[in-house]
PDB file of all heavy atoms in Angstrom:
ATOM      1  N   GLN A   1     103.210 119.108 -56.435  1.00  0.00           N
ATOM      2  CA  GLN A   1     103.392 120.446 -56.987  1.00  0.00           C
ATOM      3  C   GLN A   1     103.915 121.418 -55.939  1.00  0.00           C
ATOM      4  O   GLN A   1     104.626 122.344 -56.263  1.00  0.00           O
ATOM      5  CB  GLN A   1     102.069 120.963 -57.543  1.00  0.00           C
ATOM      6  CG  GLN A   1     101.641 120.273 -58.811  1.00  0.00           C
ATOM      7  CD  GLN A   1     100.292 120.755 -59.291  1.00  0.00           C
ATOM      8  OE1 GLN A   1      99.599 121.493 -58.603  1.00  0.00           O
ATOM      9  NE2 GLN A   1      99.914 120.331 -60.467  1.00  0.00           N
ATOM     10  N   ASP A   2     103.566 121.232 -54.700  1.00  0.00           N
ATOM     11  CA  ASP A   2     103.942 122.163 -53.653  1.00  0.00           C
ATOM     12  C   ASP A   2     105.178 121.729 -52.864  1.00  0.00           C
ATOM     13  O   ASP A   2     105.491 122.330 -51.861  1.00  0.00           O
ATOM     14  CB  ASP A   2     102.772 122.358 -52.692  1.00  0.00           C
ATOM     15  CG  ASP A   2     101.593 123.022 -53.370  1.00  0.00           C
ATOM     16  OD1 ASP A   2     101.798 123.735 -54.356  1.00  0.00           O
ATOM     17  OD2 ASP A   2     100.475 122.815 -52.907  1.00  0.00           O
ATOM     18  N   SER A   3     105.872 120.702 -53.312  1.00  0.00           N
ATOM     19  CA  SER A   3     107.003 120.171 -52.551  1.00  0.00           C
ATOM     20  C   SER A   3     108.106 121.192 -52.322  1.00  0.00           C
ATOM     21  O   SER A   3     108.762 121.179 -51.295  1.00  0.00           O
ATOM     22  CB  SER A   3     107.600 118.954 -53.259  1.00  0.00           C
ATOM     23  OG  SER A   3     106.646 117.949 -53.397  1.00  0.00           O
ATOM     24  N   PHE A   4     108.340 122.085 -53.264  1.00  0.00           N
ATOM     25  CA  PHE A   4     109.432 123.053 -53.145  1.00  0.00           C
ATOM     26  C   PHE A   4     109.010 124.320 -52.410  1.00  0.00           C
ATOM     27  O   PHE A   4     109.844 125.008 -51.836  1.00  0.00           O
ATOM     28  CB  PHE A   4     109.948 123.438 -54.536  1.00  0.00           C
ATOM     29  CG  PHE A   4     110.635 122.318 -55.239  1.00  0.00           C
ATOM     30  CD1 PHE A   4     109.960 121.531 -56.145  1.00  0.00           C
ATOM     31  CD2 PHE A   4     111.966 122.034 -54.978  1.00  0.00           C
ATOM     32  CE1 PHE A   4     110.587 120.493 -56.799  1.00  0.00           C
ATOM     33  CE2 PHE A   4     112.605 120.999 -55.628  1.00  0.00           C
ATOM     34  CZ  PHE A   4     111.920 120.214 -56.539  1.00  0.00           C
ATOM     35  N   ILE A   5     107.727 124.622 -52.448  1.00  0.00           N
ATOM     36  CA  ILE A   5     107.243 125.881 -51.890  1.00  0.00           C
ATOM     37  C   ILE A   5     107.342 125.869 -50.373  1.00  0.00           C
ATOM     38  O   ILE A   5     106.979 124.893 -49.727  1.00  0.00           O
ATOM     39  CB  ILE A   5     105.796 126.139 -52.348  1.00  0.00           C
ATOM     40  CG1 ILE A   5     105.779 126.327 -53.863  1.00  0.00           C
ATOM     41  CG2 ILE A   5     105.198 127.351 -51.641  1.00  0.00           C
ATOM     42  CD1 ILE A   5     104.409 126.430 -54.463  1.00  0.00           C
ATOM     43  N   GLY A   6     107.870 126.982 -49.829  1.00  0.00           N
ATOM     44  CA  GLY A   6     107.984 127.106 -48.376  1.00  0.00           C
ATOM     45  C   GLY A   6     109.282 127.777 -47.981  1.00  0.00           C
ATOM     46  O   GLY A   6     110.013 128.312 -48.816  1.00  0.00           O
ATOM     47  N   ASP A   7     109.555 127.763 -46.695  1.00  0.00           N
ATOM     48  CA  ASP A   7     110.757 128.387 -46.143  1.00  0.00           C
ATOM     49  C   ASP A   7     111.834 127.338 -45.910  1.00  0.00           C
ATOM     50  O   ASP A   7     111.564 126.279 -45.339  1.00  0.00           O
ATOM     51  CB  ASP A   7     110.433 129.098 -44.822  1.00  0.00           C
ATOM     52  CG  ASP A   7     109.490 130.271 -45.020  1.00  0.00           C
ATOM     53  OD1 ASP A   7     109.347 130.734 -46.159  1.00  0.00           O
ATOM     54  OD2 ASP A   7     108.907 130.728 -44.025  1.00  0.00           O
ATOM     55  N   TRP A   8     113.057 127.654 -46.342  1.00  0.00           N
ATOM     56  CA  TRP A   8     114.193 126.749 -46.243  1.00  0.00           C
ATOM     57  C   TRP A   8     115.365 127.499 -45.621  1.00  0.00           C
ATOM     58  O   TRP A   8     115.533 128.693 -45.837  1.00  0.00           O
ATOM     59  CB  TRP A   8     114.594 126.252 -47.632  1.00  0.00           C
ATOM     60  CG  TRP A   8     113.518 125.497 -48.335  1.00  0.00           C
ATOM     61  CD1 TRP A   8     112.480 126.016 -49.056  1.00  0.00           C
ATOM     62  CD2 TRP A   8     113.356 124.078 -48.373  1.00  0.00           C
ATOM     63  NE1 TRP A   8     111.692 125.008 -49.545  1.00  0.00           N
ATOM     64  CE2 TRP A   8     112.211 123.808 -49.143  1.00  0.00           C
ATOM     65  CE3 TRP A   8     114.079 123.008 -47.835  1.00  0.00           C
ATOM     66  CZ2 TRP A   8     111.763 122.516 -49.394  1.00  0.00           C
ATOM     67  CZ3 TRP A   8     113.645 121.729 -48.097  1.00  0.00           C
ATOM     68  CH2 TRP A   8     112.500 121.489 -48.862  1.00  0.00           C
ATOM     69  N   GLU A   9     116.193 126.770 -44.850  1.00  0.00           N
ATOM     70  CA  GLU A   9     117.358 127.421 -44.245  1.00  0.00           C
ATOM     71  C   GLU A   9     118.607 126.564 -44.389  1.00  0.00           C
ATOM     72  O   GLU A   9     118.537 125.353 -44.560  1.00  0.00           O
ATOM     73  CB  GLU A   9     117.104 127.743 -42.767  1.00  0.00           C
ATOM     74  CG  GLU A   9     116.938 126.547 -41.869  1.00  0.00           C
ATOM     75  CD  GLU A   9     116.622 126.930 -40.428  1.00  0.00           C
ATOM     76  OE1 GLU A   9     116.361 128.108 -40.145  1.00  0.00           O
ATOM     77  OE2 GLU A   9     116.643 126.038 -39.591  1.00  0.00           O
ATOM     78  N   THR A  10     119.752 127.232 -44.331  1.00  0.00           N
ATOM     79  CA  THR A  10     121.044 126.570 -44.381  1.00  0.00           C
ATOM     80  C   THR A  10     121.992 127.293 -43.429  1.00  0.00           C
ATOM     81  O   THR A  10     121.635 128.305 -42.837  1.00  0.00           O
ATOM     82  CB  THR A  10     121.607 126.535 -45.818  1.00  0.00           C
ATOM     83  OG1 THR A  10     122.751 125.684 -45.846  1.00  0.00           O
ATOM     84  CG2 THR A  10     121.993 127.911 -46.318  1.00  0.00           C
ATOM     85  N   ASN A  11     123.181 126.767 -43.292  1.00  0.00           N
ATOM     86  CA  ASN A  11     124.189 127.356 -42.406  1.00  0.00           C
ATOM     87  C   ASN A  11     123.661 127.547 -40.992  1.00  0.00           C
ATOM     88  O   ASN A  11     123.820 128.599 -40.386  1.00  0.00           O
ATOM     89  CB  ASN A  11     124.706 128.691 -42.954  1.00  0.00           C
ATOM     90  CG  ASN A  11     125.416 128.534 -44.272  1.00  0.00           C
ATOM     91  OD1 ASN A  11     125.967 127.477 -44.552  1.00  0.00           O
ATOM     92  ND2 ASN A  11     125.404 129.564 -45.081  1.00  0.00           N
ATOM     93  N   LYS A  12     123.023 126.507 -40.483  1.00  0.00           N
ATOM     94  CA  LYS A  12     122.483 126.518 -39.119  1.00  0.00           C
ATOM     95  C   LYS A  12     121.542 127.696 -38.884  1.00  0.00           C
ATOM     96  O   LYS A  12     121.552 128.344 -37.859  1.00  0.00           O
ATOM     97  CB  LYS A  12     123.616 126.527 -38.107  1.00  0.00           C
ATOM     98  CG  LYS A  12     124.505 125.300 -38.217  1.00  0.00           C
ATOM     99  CD  LYS A  12     125.659 125.369 -37.259  1.00  0.00           C
ATOM    100  CE  LYS A  12     126.564 124.173 -37.487  1.00  0.00           C
ATOM    101  NZ  LYS A  12     127.798 124.246 -36.772  1.00  0.00           N
ATOM    102  N   GLY A  13     120.726 127.999 -39.866  1.00  0.00           N
ATOM    103  CA  GLY A  13     119.722 129.040 -39.722  1.00  0.00           C
ATOM    104  C   GLY A  13     120.210 130.442 -40.020  1.00  0.00           C
ATOM    105  O   GLY A  13     119.455 131.396 -39.884  1.00  0.00           O
ATOM    106  N   LYS A  14     121.462 130.612 -40.446  1.00  0.00           N
ATOM    107  CA  LYS A  14     121.985 131.948 -40.736  1.00  0.00           C
ATOM    108  C   LYS A  14     121.388 132.531 -42.009  1.00  0.00           C
ATOM    109  O   LYS A  14     121.331 133.737 -42.182  1.00  0.00           O
ATOM    110  CB  LYS A  14     123.510 131.918 -40.847  1.00  0.00           C
ATOM    111  CG  LYS A  14     124.194 131.625 -39.537  1.00  0.00           C
ATOM    112  CD  LYS A  14     125.690 131.628 -39.698  1.00  0.00           C
ATOM    113  CE  LYS A  14     126.357 131.303 -38.366  1.00  0.00           C
ATOM    114  NZ  LYS A  14     127.812 131.233 -38.500  1.00  0.00           N
ATOM    115  N   LEU A  15     120.967 131.663 -42.924  1.00  0.00           N
ATOM    116  CA  LEU A  15     120.345 132.109 -44.160  1.00  0.00           C
ATOM    117  C   LEU A  15     119.041 131.359 -44.347  1.00  0.00           C
ATOM    118  O   LEU A  15     118.996 130.141 -44.278  1.00  0.00           O
ATOM    119  CB  LEU A  15     121.279 131.841 -45.350  1.00  0.00           C
ATOM    120  CG  LEU A  15     120.754 132.232 -46.732  1.00  0.00           C
ATOM    121  CD1 LEU A  15     120.534 133.742 -46.815  1.00  0.00           C
ATOM    122  CD2 LEU A  15     121.737 131.800 -47.805  1.00  0.00           C
ATOM    123  N   CYS A  16     117.965 132.095 -44.569  1.00  0.00           N
ATOM    124  CA  CYS A  16     116.648 131.503 -44.770  1.00  0.00           C
ATOM    125  C   CYS A  16     116.053 132.107 -46.039  1.00  0.00           C
ATOM    126  O   CYS A  16     116.080 133.328 -46.213  1.00  0.00           O
ATOM    127  CB  CYS A  16     115.754 131.785 -43.568  1.00  0.00           C
ATOM    128  SG  CYS A  16     114.081 131.141 -43.735  1.00  0.00           S
ATOM    129  N   ILE A  17     115.542 131.243 -46.927  1.00  0.00           N
ATOM    130  CA  ILE A  17     114.896 131.738 -48.132  1.00  0.00           C
ATOM    131  C   ILE A  17     113.470 131.210 -48.205  1.00  0.00           C
ATOM    132  O   ILE A  17     113.148 130.182 -47.618  1.00  0.00           O
ATOM    133  CB  ILE A  17     115.653 131.352 -49.419  1.00  0.00           C
ATOM    134  CG1 ILE A  17     115.612 129.847 -49.665  1.00  0.00           C
ATOM    135  CG2 ILE A  17     117.067 131.880 -49.423  1.00  0.00           C
ATOM    136  CD1 ILE A  17     116.046 129.450 -51.053  1.00  0.00           C
ATOM    137  N   GLU A  18     112.654 131.945 -48.921  1.00  0.00           N
ATOM    138  CA  GLU A  18     111.285 131.514 -49.201  1.00  0.00           C
ATOM    139  C   GLU A  18     111.211 131.154 -50.679  1.00  0.00           C
ATOM    140  O   GLU A  18     111.548 131.969 -51.535  1.00  0.00           O
ATOM    141  CB  GLU A  18     110.295 132.632 -48.908  1.00  0.00           C
ATOM    142  CG  GLU A  18     108.879 132.291 -49.317  1.00  0.00           C
ATOM    143  CD  GLU A  18     107.933 133.471 -49.254  1.00  0.00           C
ATOM    144  OE1 GLU A  18     108.381 134.607 -49.009  1.00  0.00           O
ATOM    145  OE2 GLU A  18     106.738 133.252 -49.467  1.00  0.00           O
ATOM    146  N   ILE A  19     110.816 129.936 -50.983  1.00  0.00           N
ATOM    147  CA  ILE A  19     110.607 129.533 -52.367  1.00  0.00           C
ATOM    148  C   ILE A  19     109.117 129.669 -52.664  1.00  0.00           C
ATOM    149  O   ILE A  19     108.279 129.198 -51.904  1.00  0.00           O
ATOM    150  CB  ILE A  19     111.113 128.101 -52.621  1.00  0.00           C
ATOM    151  CG1 ILE A  19     112.634 128.063 -52.452  1.00  0.00           C
ATOM    152  CG2 ILE A  19     110.702 127.632 -54.012  1.00  0.00           C
ATOM    153  CD1 ILE A  19     113.260 126.716 -52.685  1.00  0.00           C
ATOM    154  N   TYR A  20     108.821 130.355 -53.757  1.00  0.00           N
ATOM    155  CA  TYR A  20     107.435 130.580 -54.154  1.00  0.00           C
ATOM    156  C   TYR A  20     107.322 130.401 -55.664  1.00  0.00           C
ATOM    157  O   TYR A  20     108.323 130.316 -56.375  1.00  0.00           O
ATOM    158  CB  TYR A  20     106.968 131.978 -53.733  1.00  0.00           C
ATOM    159  CG  TYR A  20     107.797 133.108 -54.309  1.00  0.00           C
ATOM    160  CD1 TYR A  20     107.388 133.768 -55.458  1.00  0.00           C
ATOM    161  CD2 TYR A  20     108.984 133.512 -53.706  1.00  0.00           C
ATOM    162  CE1 TYR A  20     108.133 134.797 -55.997  1.00  0.00           C
ATOM    163  CE2 TYR A  20     109.743 134.541 -54.232  1.00  0.00           C
ATOM    164  CZ  TYR A  20     109.320 135.184 -55.373  1.00  0.00           C
ATOM    165  OH  TYR A  20     110.076 136.204 -55.908  1.00  0.00           O
ATOM    166  N   LYS A  21     106.094 130.318 -56.132  1.00  0.00           N
ATOM    167  CA  LYS A  21     105.843 130.080 -57.548  1.00  0.00           C
ATOM    168  C   LYS A  21     105.060 131.240 -58.142  1.00  0.00           C
ATOM    169  O   LYS A  21     104.093 131.709 -57.557  1.00  0.00           O
ATOM    170  CB  LYS A  21     105.066 128.768 -57.714  1.00  0.00           C
ATOM    171  CG  LYS A  21     104.897 128.334 -59.145  1.00  0.00           C
ATOM    172  CD  LYS A  21     104.243 126.959 -59.211  1.00  0.00           C
ATOM    173  CE  LYS A  21     104.087 126.532 -60.653  1.00  0.00           C
ATOM    174  NZ  LYS A  21     103.414 125.242 -60.768  1.00  0.00           N
ATOM    175  N   GLU A  22     105.524 131.705 -59.312  1.00  0.00           N
ATOM    176  CA  GLU A  22     104.808 132.715 -60.085  1.00  0.00           C
ATOM    177  C   GLU A  22     104.657 132.168 -61.493  1.00  0.00           C
ATOM    178  O   GLU A  22     105.655 131.967 -62.182  1.00  0.00           O
ATOM    179  CB  GLU A  22     105.571 134.037 -60.119  1.00  0.00           C
ATOM    180  CG  GLU A  22     105.461 134.843 -58.866  1.00  0.00           C
ATOM    181  CD  GLU A  22     106.110 136.220 -58.989  1.00  0.00           C
ATOM    182  OE1 GLU A  22     106.551 136.598 -60.097  1.00  0.00           O
ATOM    183  OE2 GLU A  22     106.184 136.907 -57.973  1.00  0.00           O
ATOM    184  N   GLY A  23     103.431 131.921 -61.910  1.00  0.00           N
ATOM    185  CA  GLY A  23     103.202 131.299 -63.210  1.00  0.00           C
ATOM    186  C   GLY A  23     103.769 129.891 -63.199  1.00  0.00           C
ATOM    187  O   GLY A  23     103.467 129.098 -62.316  1.00  0.00           O
ATOM    188  N   SER A  24     104.624 129.586 -64.153  1.00  0.00           N
ATOM    189  CA  SER A  24     105.229 128.254 -64.203  1.00  0.00           C
ATOM    190  C   SER A  24     106.654 128.237 -63.639  1.00  0.00           C
ATOM    191  O   SER A  24     107.325 127.219 -63.687  1.00  0.00           O
ATOM    192  CB  SER A  24     105.231 127.733 -65.642  1.00  0.00           C
ATOM    193  OG  SER A  24     105.971 128.610 -66.468  1.00  0.00           O
ATOM    194  N   TYR A  25     107.126 129.380 -63.116  1.00  0.00           N
ATOM    195  CA  TYR A  25     108.487 129.488 -62.589  1.00  0.00           C
ATOM    196  C   TYR A  25     108.504 129.514 -61.059  1.00  0.00           C
ATOM    197  O   TYR A  25     107.582 130.025 -60.423  1.00  0.00           O
ATOM    198  CB  TYR A  25     109.166 130.766 -63.091  1.00  0.00           C
ATOM    199  CG  TYR A  25     109.390 130.791 -64.575  1.00  0.00           C
ATOM    200  CD1 TYR A  25     108.695 131.678 -65.387  1.00  0.00           C
ATOM    201  CD2 TYR A  25     110.311 129.940 -65.180  1.00  0.00           C
ATOM    202  CE1 TYR A  25     108.906 131.710 -66.754  1.00  0.00           C
ATOM    203  CE2 TYR A  25     110.530 129.969 -66.545  1.00  0.00           C
ATOM    204  CZ  TYR A  25     109.826 130.862 -67.326  1.00  0.00           C
ATOM    205  OH  TYR A  25     110.034 130.893 -68.678  1.00  0.00           O
ATOM    206  N   TYR A  26     109.595 129.019 -60.510  1.00  0.00           N
ATOM    207  CA  TYR A  26     109.836 129.067 -59.071  1.00  0.00           C
ATOM    208  C   TYR A  26     110.934 130.088 -58.802  1.00  0.00           C
ATOM    209  O   TYR A  26     111.899 130.198 -59.568  1.00  0.00           O
ATOM    210  CB  TYR A  26     110.285 127.702 -58.534  1.00  0.00           C
ATOM    211  CG  TYR A  26     109.195 126.666 -58.532  1.00  0.00           C
ATOM    212  CD1 TYR A  26     108.847 125.989 -59.692  1.00  0.00           C
ATOM    213  CD2 TYR A  26     108.509 126.360 -57.364  1.00  0.00           C
ATOM    214  CE1 TYR A  26     107.846 125.035 -59.695  1.00  0.00           C
ATOM    215  CE2 TYR A  26     107.510 125.399 -57.356  1.00  0.00           C
ATOM    216  CZ  TYR A  26     107.183 124.741 -58.526  1.00  0.00           C
ATOM    217  OH  TYR A  26     106.190 123.802 -58.523  1.00  0.00           O
ATOM    218  N   TYR A  27     110.788 130.828 -57.706  1.00  0.00           N
ATOM    219  CA  TYR A  27     111.761 131.844 -57.301  1.00  0.00           C
ATOM    220  C   TYR A  27     112.095 131.632 -55.826  1.00  0.00           C
ATOM    221  O   TYR A  27     111.311 131.042 -55.086  1.00  0.00           O
ATOM    222  CB  TYR A  27     111.182 133.251 -57.477  1.00  0.00           C
ATOM    223  CG  TYR A  27     110.882 133.616 -58.907  1.00  0.00           C
ATOM    224  CD1 TYR A  27     109.676 133.275 -59.497  1.00  0.00           C
ATOM    225  CD2 TYR A  27     111.818 134.294 -59.672  1.00  0.00           C
ATOM    226  CE1 TYR A  27     109.399 133.601 -60.813  1.00  0.00           C
ATOM    227  CE2 TYR A  27     111.550 134.631 -60.991  1.00  0.00           C
ATOM    228  CZ  TYR A  27     110.338 134.281 -61.554  1.00  0.00           C
ATOM    229  OH  TYR A  27     110.077 134.604 -62.858  1.00  0.00           O
ATOM    230  N   GLY A  28     113.232 132.155 -55.424  1.00  0.00           N
ATOM    231  CA  GLY A  28     113.606 132.102 -54.013  1.00  0.00           C
ATOM    232  C   GLY A  28     114.129 133.454 -53.571  1.00  0.00           C
ATOM    233  O   GLY A  28     115.014 134.022 -54.211  1.00  0.00           O
ATOM    234  N   LYS A  29     113.544 133.985 -52.492  1.00  0.00           N
ATOM    235  CA  LYS A  29     114.022 135.267 -51.979  1.00  0.00           C
ATOM    236  C   LYS A  29     114.455 135.106 -50.526  1.00  0.00           C
ATOM    237  O   LYS A  29     113.944 134.265 -49.793  1.00  0.00           O
ATOM    238  CB  LYS A  29     112.969 136.363 -52.117  1.00  0.00           C
ATOM    239  CG  LYS A  29     111.764 136.217 -51.232  1.00  0.00           C
ATOM    240  CD  LYS A  29     110.819 137.382 -51.430  1.00  0.00           C
ATOM    241  CE  LYS A  29     109.540 137.160 -50.640  1.00  0.00           C
ATOM    242  NZ  LYS A  29     108.595 138.226 -50.824  1.00  0.00           N
ATOM    243  N   ILE A  30     115.395 135.928 -50.135  1.00  0.00           N
ATOM    244  CA  ILE A  30     115.970 135.866 -48.796  1.00  0.00           C
ATOM    245  C   ILE A  30     114.973 136.419 -47.781  1.00  0.00           C
ATOM    246  O   ILE A  30     114.449 137.519 -47.951  1.00  0.00           O
ATOM    247  CB  ILE A  30     117.294 136.642 -48.731  1.00  0.00           C
ATOM    248  CG1 ILE A  30     118.316 135.982 -49.658  1.00  0.00           C
ATOM    249  CG2 ILE A  30     117.823 136.700 -47.300  1.00  0.00           C
ATOM    250  CD1 ILE A  30     119.632 136.719 -49.780  1.00  0.00           C
TER     251      ILE A  30
END
């Protein structure tokens, strides 16, 4: 259930997002 939750980055660390869960939905914010 928690596999997606956490901090993720791309472009060699230039962009980092946090994936979190609210209710049954997942969201990602910069």
